[in-house]
């Protein structure tokens, strides 16, 4: 849910400066995930996890996290 909201702008009626600043910061953080090195690292990590024959709950959570980041 958090990553979905990263690109949403605050409501035009929003008067909360803190909320607007928070959304700007979250949007900036999402931009950092687009760096080629970050994407490469995520793909490599995902590849390692998917090649494992047995995965733990942490592996499954990591797969879910990477998918959410790519969404």
PDB file of N, CA and C in Angstrom:
ATOM      1  N   UNK A   1       0.820  -1.194   0.000  1.00  0.00           N
ATOM      2  CA  UNK A   1       0.000   0.000   0.000  1.00  0.00           C
ATOM      3  C   UNK A   1       0.862   1.255   0.000  1.00  0.00           C
ATOM      4  N   UNK A   2       1.923   1.231   0.772  1.00  0.00           N
ATOM      5  CA  UNK A   2       2.795   2.404   0.862  1.00  0.00           C
ATOM      6  C   UNK A   2       3.379   2.767  -0.482  1.00  0.00           C
ATOM      7  N   UNK A   3       3.874   1.775  -1.232  1.00  0.00           N
ATOM      8  CA  UNK A   3       4.511   2.064  -2.504  1.00  0.00           C
ATOM      9  C   UNK A   3       3.513   2.521  -3.556  1.00  0.00           C
ATOM     10  N   UNK A   4       2.282   2.095  -3.437  1.00  0.00           N
ATOM     11  CA  UNK A   4       1.246   2.565  -4.355  1.00  0.00           C
ATOM     12  C   UNK A   4       1.028   4.051  -4.150  1.00  0.00           C
ATOM     13  N   UNK A   5       1.077   4.492  -2.919  1.00  0.00           N
ATOM     14  CA  UNK A   5       0.812   5.894  -2.587  1.00  0.00           C
ATOM     15  C   UNK A   5       1.988   6.815  -2.900  1.00  0.00           C
ATOM     16  N   UNK A   6       3.128   6.261  -3.237  1.00  0.00           N
ATOM     17  CA  UNK A   6       4.299   7.092  -3.432  1.00  0.00           C
ATOM     18  C   UNK A   6       4.137   8.103  -4.563  1.00  0.00           C
ATOM     19  N   UNK A   7       3.386   7.767  -5.572  1.00  0.00           N
ATOM     20  CA  UNK A   7       3.242   8.671  -6.710  1.00  0.00           C
ATOM     21  C   UNK A   7       1.961   9.484  -6.659  1.00  0.00           C
ATOM     22  N   UNK A   8       1.129   9.228  -5.687  1.00  0.00           N
ATOM     23  CA  UNK A   8      -0.101  10.001  -5.559  1.00  0.00           C
ATOM     24  C   UNK A   8       0.211  11.373  -4.965  1.00  0.00           C
ATOM     25  N   UNK A   9      -0.426  12.378  -5.511  1.00  0.00           N
ATOM     26  CA  UNK A   9      -0.263  13.721  -4.966  1.00  0.00           C
ATOM     27  C   UNK A   9      -1.307  13.957  -3.881  1.00  0.00           C
ATOM     28  N   UNK A  10      -0.989  14.794  -2.914  1.00  0.00           N
ATOM     29  CA  UNK A  10      -1.979  15.103  -1.880  1.00  0.00           C
ATOM     30  C   UNK A  10      -3.203  15.775  -2.510  1.00  0.00           C
ATOM     31  N   UNK A  11      -4.299  15.631  -1.860  1.00  0.00           N
ATOM     32  CA  UNK A  11      -5.535  16.263  -2.291  1.00  0.00           C
ATOM     33  C   UNK A  11      -5.323  17.771  -2.412  1.00  0.00           C
ATOM     34  N   UNK A  12      -5.927  18.392  -3.401  1.00  0.00           N
ATOM     35  CA  UNK A  12      -5.762  19.839  -3.595  1.00  0.00           C
ATOM     36  C   UNK A  12      -6.263  20.635  -2.401  1.00  0.00           C
ATOM     37  N   UNK A  13      -7.174  20.066  -1.649  1.00  0.00           N
ATOM     38  CA  UNK A  13      -7.706  20.740  -0.469  1.00  0.00           C
ATOM     39  C   UNK A  13      -6.849  20.503   0.773  1.00  0.00           C
ATOM     40  N   UNK A  14      -5.787  19.734   0.610  1.00  0.00           N
ATOM     41  CA  UNK A  14      -4.933  19.403   1.742  1.00  0.00           C
ATOM     42  C   UNK A  14      -4.217  20.646   2.248  1.00  0.00           C
ATOM     43  N   UNK A  15      -4.344  20.901   3.532  1.00  0.00           N
ATOM     44  CA  UNK A  15      -3.700  22.069   4.128  1.00  0.00           C
ATOM     45  C   UNK A  15      -2.501  21.678   4.978  1.00  0.00           C
ATOM     46  N   UNK A  16      -2.279  20.410   5.118  1.00  0.00           N
ATOM     47  CA  UNK A  16      -1.211  19.937   5.981  1.00  0.00           C
ATOM     48  C   UNK A  16       0.129  19.995   5.257  1.00  0.00           C
ATOM     49  N   UNK A  17       0.994  20.901   5.664  1.00  0.00           N
ATOM     50  CA  UNK A  17       2.321  21.046   5.067  1.00  0.00           C
ATOM     51  C   UNK A  17       3.133  19.769   5.277  1.00  0.00           C
ATOM     52  N   UNK A  18       2.959  19.159   6.442  1.00  0.00           N
ATOM     53  CA  UNK A  18       3.692  17.938   6.760  1.00  0.00           C
ATOM     54  C   UNK A  18       3.305  16.814   5.787  1.00  0.00           C
ATOM     55  N   UNK A  19       2.034  16.698   5.493  1.00  0.00           N
ATOM     56  CA  UNK A  19       1.566  15.661   4.582  1.00  0.00           C
ATOM     57  C   UNK A  19       2.138  15.887   3.183  1.00  0.00           C
ATOM     58  N   UNK A  20       2.131  17.116   2.718  1.00  0.00           N
ATOM     59  CA  UNK A  20       2.685  17.434   1.398  1.00  0.00           C
ATOM     60  C   UNK A  20       4.173  17.122   1.363  1.00  0.00           C
ATOM     61  N   UNK A  21       4.907  17.503   2.391  1.00  0.00           N
ATOM     62  CA  UNK A  21       6.341  17.208   2.455  1.00  0.00           C
ATOM     63  C   UNK A  21       6.600  15.704   2.504  1.00  0.00           C
ATOM     64  N   UNK A  22       5.777  14.975   3.229  1.00  0.00           N
ATOM     65  CA  UNK A  22       5.920  13.526   3.312  1.00  0.00           C
ATOM     66  C   UNK A  22       5.734  12.892   1.931  1.00  0.00           C
ATOM     67  N   UNK A  23       4.714  13.313   1.198  1.00  0.00           N
ATOM     68  CA  UNK A  23       4.485  12.776  -0.140  1.00  0.00           C
ATOM     69  C   UNK A  23       5.636  13.106  -1.081  1.00  0.00           C
ATOM     70  N   UNK A  24       6.191  14.294  -0.958  1.00  0.00           N
ATOM     71  CA  UNK A  24       7.352  14.654  -1.789  1.00  0.00           C
ATOM     72  C   UNK A  24       8.534  13.749  -1.478  1.00  0.00           C
ATOM     73  N   UNK A  25       8.761  13.510  -0.200  1.00  0.00           N
ATOM     74  CA  UNK A  25       9.879  12.651   0.205  1.00  0.00           C
ATOM     75  C   UNK A  25       9.664  11.219  -0.277  1.00  0.00           C
ATOM     76  N   UNK A  26       8.459  10.716  -0.149  1.00  0.00           N
ATOM     77  CA  UNK A  26       8.164   9.370  -0.609  1.00  0.00           C
ATOM     78  C   UNK A  26       8.335   9.248  -2.123  1.00  0.00           C
ATOM     79  N   UNK A  27       7.939  10.270  -2.845  1.00  0.00           N
ATOM     80  CA  UNK A  27       8.104  10.272  -4.297  1.00  0.00           C
ATOM     81  C   UNK A  27       9.589  10.285  -4.663  1.00  0.00           C
ATOM     82  N   UNK A  28      10.374  11.060  -3.954  1.00  0.00           N
ATOM     83  CA  UNK A  28      11.823  11.091  -4.179  1.00  0.00           C
ATOM     84  C   UNK A  28      12.439   9.727  -3.908  1.00  0.00           C
ATOM     85  N   UNK A  29      12.011   9.084  -2.833  1.00  0.00           N
ATOM     86  CA  UNK A  29      12.534   7.747  -2.516  1.00  0.00           C
ATOM     87  C   UNK A  29      12.213   6.754  -3.625  1.00  0.00           C
ATOM     88  N   UNK A  30      11.013   6.842  -4.180  1.00  0.00           N
ATOM     89  CA  UNK A  30      10.643   5.929  -5.259  1.00  0.00           C
ATOM     90  C   UNK A  30      11.530   6.149  -6.481  1.00  0.00           C
ATOM     91  N   UNK A  31      11.879   7.386  -6.757  1.00  0.00           N
ATOM     92  CA  UNK A  31      12.774   7.682  -7.887  1.00  0.00           C
ATOM     93  C   UNK A  31      14.126   6.985  -7.713  1.00  0.00           C
ATOM     94  N   UNK A  32      14.590   6.892  -6.486  1.00  0.00           N
ATOM     95  CA  UNK A  32      15.876   6.241  -6.227  1.00  0.00           C
ATOM     96  C   UNK A  32      15.859   4.760  -6.587  1.00  0.00           C
ATOM     97  N   UNK A  33      14.685   4.138  -6.502  1.00  0.00           N
ATOM     98  CA  UNK A  33      14.579   2.728  -6.873  1.00  0.00           C
ATOM     99  C   UNK A  33      14.749   2.523  -8.376  1.00  0.00           C
ATOM    100  N   UNK A  34      14.659   3.583  -9.148  1.00  0.00           N
ATOM    101  CA  UNK A  34      14.800   3.472 -10.599  1.00  0.00           C
ATOM    102  C   UNK A  34      16.255   3.514 -11.060  1.00  0.00           C
ATOM    103  N   UNK A  35      17.174   3.722 -10.159  1.00  0.00           N
ATOM    104  CA  UNK A  35      18.590   3.740 -10.522  1.00  0.00           C
ATOM    105  C   UNK A  35      18.984   2.373 -11.079  1.00  0.00           C
ATOM    106  N   UNK A  36      19.739   2.345 -12.189  1.00  0.00           N
ATOM    107  CA  UNK A  36      20.115   1.069 -12.815  1.00  0.00           C
ATOM    108  C   UNK A  36      20.762   0.072 -11.845  1.00  0.00           C
ATOM    109  N   UNK A  37      21.629   0.534 -10.974  1.00  0.00           N
ATOM    110  CA  UNK A  37      22.307  -0.367 -10.040  1.00  0.00           C
ATOM    111  C   UNK A  37      21.313  -0.993  -9.059  1.00  0.00           C
ATOM    112  N   UNK A  38      20.335  -0.221  -8.636  1.00  0.00           N
ATOM    113  CA  UNK A  38      19.328  -0.737  -7.702  1.00  0.00           C
ATOM    114  C   UNK A  38      18.492  -1.809  -8.388  1.00  0.00           C
ATOM    115  N   UNK A  39      18.044  -1.538  -9.606  1.00  0.00           N
ATOM    116  CA  UNK A  39      17.245  -2.505 -10.348  1.00  0.00           C
ATOM    117  C   UNK A  39      18.055  -3.771 -10.599  1.00  0.00           C
ATOM    118  N   UNK A  40      19.302  -3.604 -10.994  1.00  0.00           N
ATOM    119  CA  UNK A  40      20.169  -4.765 -11.240  1.00  0.00           C
ATOM    120  C   UNK A  40      20.320  -5.616  -9.978  1.00  0.00           C
ATOM    121  N   UNK A  41      20.526  -4.966  -8.856  1.00  0.00           N
ATOM    122  CA  UNK A  41      20.689  -5.675  -7.586  1.00  0.00           C
ATOM    123  C   UNK A  41      19.411  -6.422  -7.204  1.00  0.00           C
ATOM    124  N   UNK A  42      18.269  -5.783  -7.375  1.00  0.00           N
ATOM    125  CA  UNK A  42      16.999  -6.443  -7.066  1.00  0.00           C
ATOM    126  C   UNK A  42      16.775  -7.668  -7.949  1.00  0.00           C
ATOM    127  N   UNK A  43      17.079  -7.540  -9.231  1.00  0.00           N
ATOM    128  CA  UNK A  43      16.906  -8.664 -10.155  1.00  0.00           C
ATOM    129  C   UNK A  43      17.854  -9.806  -9.799  1.00  0.00           C
ATOM    130  N   UNK A  44      19.094  -9.485  -9.496  1.00  0.00           N
ATOM    131  CA  UNK A  44      20.058 -10.520  -9.123  1.00  0.00           C
ATOM    132  C   UNK A  44      19.621 -11.235  -7.846  1.00  0.00           C
ATOM    133  N   UNK A  45      19.148 -10.471  -6.880  1.00  0.00           N
ATOM    134  CA  UNK A  45      18.696 -11.050  -5.616  1.00  0.00           C
ATOM    135  C   UNK A  45      17.474 -11.952  -5.853  1.00  0.00           C
ATOM    136  N   UNK A  46      16.557 -11.481  -6.666  1.00  0.00           N
ATOM    137  CA  UNK A  46      15.369 -12.263  -6.982  1.00  0.00           C
ATOM    138  C   UNK A  46      15.759 -13.556  -7.697  1.00  0.00           C
ATOM    139  N   UNK A  47      16.697 -13.473  -8.591  1.00  0.00           N
ATOM    140  CA  UNK A  47      17.181 -14.640  -9.319  1.00  0.00           C
ATOM    141  C   UNK A  47      17.754 -15.687  -8.358  1.00  0.00           C
ATOM    142  N   UNK A  48      18.541 -15.236  -7.398  1.00  0.00           N
ATOM    143  CA  UNK A  48      19.125 -16.152  -6.409  1.00  0.00           C
ATOM    144  C   UNK A  48      18.032 -16.865  -5.608  1.00  0.00           C
ATOM    145  N   UNK A  49      17.033 -16.105  -5.204  1.00  0.00           N
ATOM    146  CA  UNK A  49      15.949 -16.690  -4.404  1.00  0.00           C
ATOM    147  C   UNK A  49      15.152 -17.696  -5.229  1.00  0.00           C
ATOM    148  N   UNK A  50      14.847 -17.337  -6.463  1.00  0.00           N
ATOM    149  CA  UNK A  50      14.018 -18.215  -7.303  1.00  0.00           C
ATOM    150  C   UNK A  50      14.730 -19.509  -7.679  1.00  0.00           C
ATOM    151  N   UNK A  51      16.053 -19.518  -7.640  1.00  0.00           N
ATOM    152  CA  UNK A  51      16.801 -20.726  -7.974  1.00  0.00           C
ATOM    153  C   UNK A  51      16.894 -21.710  -6.813  1.00  0.00           C
ATOM    154  N   UNK A  52      16.543 -21.275  -5.625  1.00  0.00           N
ATOM    155  CA  UNK A  52      16.578 -22.164  -4.458  1.00  0.00           C
ATOM    156  C   UNK A  52      15.473 -23.207  -4.566  1.00  0.00           C
ATOM    157  N   UNK A  53      15.820 -24.427  -4.231  1.00  0.00           N
ATOM    158  CA  UNK A  53      14.818 -25.494  -4.267  1.00  0.00           C
ATOM    159  C   UNK A  53      13.846 -25.372  -3.096  1.00  0.00           C
ATOM    160  N   UNK A  54      14.372 -25.013  -1.933  1.00  0.00           N
ATOM    161  CA  UNK A  54      13.515 -24.822  -0.768  1.00  0.00           C
ATOM    162  C   UNK A  54      13.644 -23.373  -0.315  1.00  0.00           C
ATOM    163  N   UNK A  55      12.505 -22.757  -0.113  1.00  0.00           N
ATOM    164  CA  UNK A  55      12.503 -21.350   0.301  1.00  0.00           C
ATOM    165  C   UNK A  55      11.862 -21.223   1.680  1.00  0.00           C
ATOM    166  N   UNK A  56      12.435 -20.340   2.459  1.00  0.00           N
ATOM    167  CA  UNK A  56      11.873 -20.055   3.782  1.00  0.00           C
ATOM    168  C   UNK A  56      10.796 -18.970   3.647  1.00  0.00           C
ATOM    169  N   UNK A  57      10.171 -18.675   4.746  1.00  0.00           N
ATOM    170  CA  UNK A  57       9.161 -17.614   4.759  1.00  0.00           C
ATOM    171  C   UNK A  57       9.810 -16.271   4.414  1.00  0.00           C
ATOM    172  N   UNK A  58      11.048 -16.068   4.866  1.00  0.00           N
ATOM    173  CA  UNK A  58      11.758 -14.826   4.550  1.00  0.00           C
ATOM    174  C   UNK A  58      11.994 -14.697   3.046  1.00  0.00           C
ATOM    175  N   UNK A  59      12.291 -15.823   2.394  1.00  0.00           N
ATOM    176  CA  UNK A  59      12.472 -15.796   0.942  1.00  0.00           C
ATOM    177  C   UNK A  59      11.168 -15.390   0.248  1.00  0.00           C
ATOM    178  N   UNK A  60      10.075 -15.972   0.701  1.00  0.00           N
ATOM    179  CA  UNK A  60       8.774 -15.648   0.112  1.00  0.00           C
ATOM    180  C   UNK A  60       8.426 -14.179   0.320  1.00  0.00           C
ATOM    181  N   UNK A  61       8.745 -13.661   1.495  1.00  0.00           N
ATOM    182  CA  UNK A  61       8.486 -12.250   1.777  1.00  0.00           C
ATOM    183  C   UNK A  61       9.360 -11.343   0.898  1.00  0.00           C
ATOM    184  N   UNK A  62      10.599 -11.770   0.662  1.00  0.00           N
ATOM    185  CA  UNK A  62      11.484 -10.988  -0.188  1.00  0.00           C
ATOM    186  C   UNK A  62      10.971 -10.959  -1.622  1.00  0.00           C
ATOM    187  N   UNK A  63      10.487 -12.088  -2.095  1.00  0.00           N
ATOM    188  CA  UNK A  63       9.910 -12.148  -3.443  1.00  0.00           C
ATOM    189  C   UNK A  63       8.734 -11.181  -3.543  1.00  0.00           C
ATOM    190  N   UNK A  64       7.870 -11.225  -2.541  1.00  0.00           N
ATOM    191  CA  UNK A  64       6.707 -10.326  -2.530  1.00  0.00           C
ATOM    192  C   UNK A  64       7.142  -8.860  -2.505  1.00  0.00           C
ATOM    193  N   UNK A  65       8.135  -8.535  -1.701  1.00  0.00           N
ATOM    194  CA  UNK A  65       8.625  -7.159  -1.611  1.00  0.00           C
ATOM    195  C   UNK A  65       9.176  -6.677  -2.952  1.00  0.00           C
ATOM    196  N   UNK A  66       9.983  -7.504  -3.601  1.00  0.00           N
ATOM    197  CA  UNK A  66      10.565  -7.106  -4.886  1.00  0.00           C
ATOM    198  C   UNK A  66       9.463  -6.899  -5.930  1.00  0.00           C
ATOM    199  N   UNK A  67       8.467  -7.766  -5.918  1.00  0.00           N
ATOM    200  CA  UNK A  67       7.342  -7.601  -6.858  1.00  0.00           C
ATOM    201  C   UNK A  67       6.616  -6.284  -6.601  1.00  0.00           C
ATOM    202  N   UNK A  68       6.390  -5.964  -5.331  1.00  0.00           N
ATOM    203  CA  UNK A  68       5.734  -4.704  -4.997  1.00  0.00           C
ATOM    204  C   UNK A  68       6.587  -3.516  -5.444  1.00  0.00           C
ATOM    205  N   UNK A  69       7.880  -3.599  -5.261  1.00  0.00           N
ATOM    206  CA  UNK A  69       8.753  -2.508  -5.687  1.00  0.00           C
ATOM    207  C   UNK A  69       8.692  -2.297  -7.203  1.00  0.00           C
ATOM    208  N   UNK A  70       8.615  -3.382  -7.940  1.00  0.00           N
ATOM    209  CA  UNK A  70       8.521  -3.258  -9.392  1.00  0.00           C
ATOM    210  C   UNK A  70       7.154  -2.752  -9.853  1.00  0.00           C
ATOM    211  N   UNK A  71       6.128  -3.035  -9.070  1.00  0.00           N
ATOM    212  CA  UNK A  71       4.805  -2.532  -9.428  1.00  0.00           C
ATOM    213  C   UNK A  71       4.828  -1.026  -9.393  1.00  0.00           C
TER     214      UNK A  71
END
